């Protein structure tokens, strides 16, 4: 079953915890009655988790690249020359 953009946005709102009151009750009731919606919520939750892991790895890689650049002799020497005239 294809998930509509509106449904994706509603699921995201639910997963972020920004639904309140009647909207939250209606969504939970709909989810209890609709196994396809339960599956979509589960898949979207997993997708968000995977994206977070990917983002962390990407940021870690970028930080490692900066660290390696900072350790290069040329850069270190130029910084030391600023503080040790």
Protein backbone atom coordinates (compact mmCIF):
# COMPACT_ATOMS: atom_id res chain seq x y z
CA UNK A 1 0.00 0.00 0.00
CA UNK A 2 1.32 3.42 -0.94
CA UNK A 3 1.48 5.88 1.92
CA UNK A 4 0.24 9.39 1.14
CA UNK A 5 2.25 12.46 2.02
CA UNK A 6 -0.45 13.52 4.48
CA UNK A 7 -0.23 10.17 6.23
CA UNK A 8 3.55 10.37 6.39
CA UNK A 9 3.31 13.84 7.93
CA UNK A 10 0.69 12.66 10.43
CA UNK A 11 2.82 9.65 11.41
CA UNK A 12 5.84 11.91 11.78
CA UNK A 13 3.88 14.24 14.03
CA UNK A 14 2.86 11.24 16.14
CA UNK A 15 6.42 9.92 16.36
CA UNK A 16 7.75 13.36 17.32
CA UNK A 17 5.21 13.52 20.14
CA UNK A 18 3.64 16.76 18.92
CA UNK A 19 0.10 15.39 18.66
CA UNK A 20 -2.18 16.32 21.52
CA UNK A 21 -5.75 15.93 22.67
CA UNK A 22 -8.41 14.73 20.27
CA UNK A 23 -5.96 14.45 17.38
CA UNK A 24 -3.80 12.01 19.36
CA UNK A 25 -6.79 9.96 20.52
CA UNK A 26 -8.16 9.77 16.97
CA UNK A 27 -4.79 8.70 15.58
CA UNK A 28 -4.27 6.00 18.21
CA UNK A 29 -7.80 4.69 17.62
CA UNK A 30 -7.24 4.65 13.85
CA UNK A 31 -3.93 2.87 14.37
CA UNK A 32 -5.54 0.18 16.57
CA UNK A 33 -8.11 -0.51 13.86
CA UNK A 34 -5.78 -0.37 10.87
CA UNK A 35 -2.92 -2.87 10.65
CA UNK A 36 -1.52 -1.18 7.53
CA UNK A 37 -1.22 2.08 9.48
CA UNK A 38 0.53 0.19 12.30
CA UNK A 39 2.98 -1.19 9.76
CA UNK A 40 3.56 2.26 8.26
CA UNK A 41 4.18 3.77 11.70
CA UNK A 42 6.64 1.00 12.50
CA UNK A 43 8.47 1.38 9.18
CA UNK A 44 8.65 5.16 9.47
CA UNK A 45 9.97 4.89 13.01
CA UNK A 46 12.67 2.50 11.82
CA UNK A 47 13.51 4.77 8.90
CA UNK A 48 13.94 7.75 11.24
CA UNK A 49 16.25 5.66 13.45
CA UNK A 50 18.35 4.65 10.45
CA UNK A 51 18.58 8.24 9.26
CA UNK A 52 19.80 9.32 12.70
CA UNK A 53 22.47 6.61 12.66
CA UNK A 54 23.54 7.64 9.15
CA UNK A 55 23.70 11.30 10.16
CA UNK A 56 25.81 10.51 13.23
CA UNK A 57 28.23 8.48 11.13
CA UNK A 58 28.44 11.26 8.56
CA UNK A 59 29.15 13.90 11.21
CA UNK A 60 31.72 11.61 12.86
CA UNK A 61 33.48 11.16 9.53
CA UNK A 62 33.51 14.91 8.91
CA UNK A 63 34.95 15.55 12.38
CA UNK A 64 37.64 12.95 11.77
CA UNK A 65 38.56 14.70 8.52
CA UNK A 66 38.85 18.04 10.31
CA UNK A 67 40.94 16.41 13.02
CA UNK A 68 43.29 14.90 10.45
CA UNK A 69 43.61 18.27 8.73
CA UNK A 70 44.46 19.94 12.03
CA UNK A 71 47.16 17.39 12.73
CA UNK A 72 48.98 18.06 9.47
CA UNK A 73 52.39 19.61 10.03
CA UNK A 74 51.82 22.65 7.81
CA UNK A 75 48.70 23.69 9.63
CA UNK A 76 50.25 23.09 13.06
CA UNK A 77 53.32 25.08 12.13
CA UNK A 78 51.27 28.02 10.88
CA UNK A 79 49.25 28.10 14.12
CA UNK A 80 52.40 27.82 16.23
CA UNK A 81 53.99 30.69 14.31
CA UNK A 82 51.06 32.90 15.25
CA UNK A 83 51.52 32.23 18.96
CA UNK A 84 55.30 31.93 18.96
CA UNK A 85 56.60 34.88 16.92
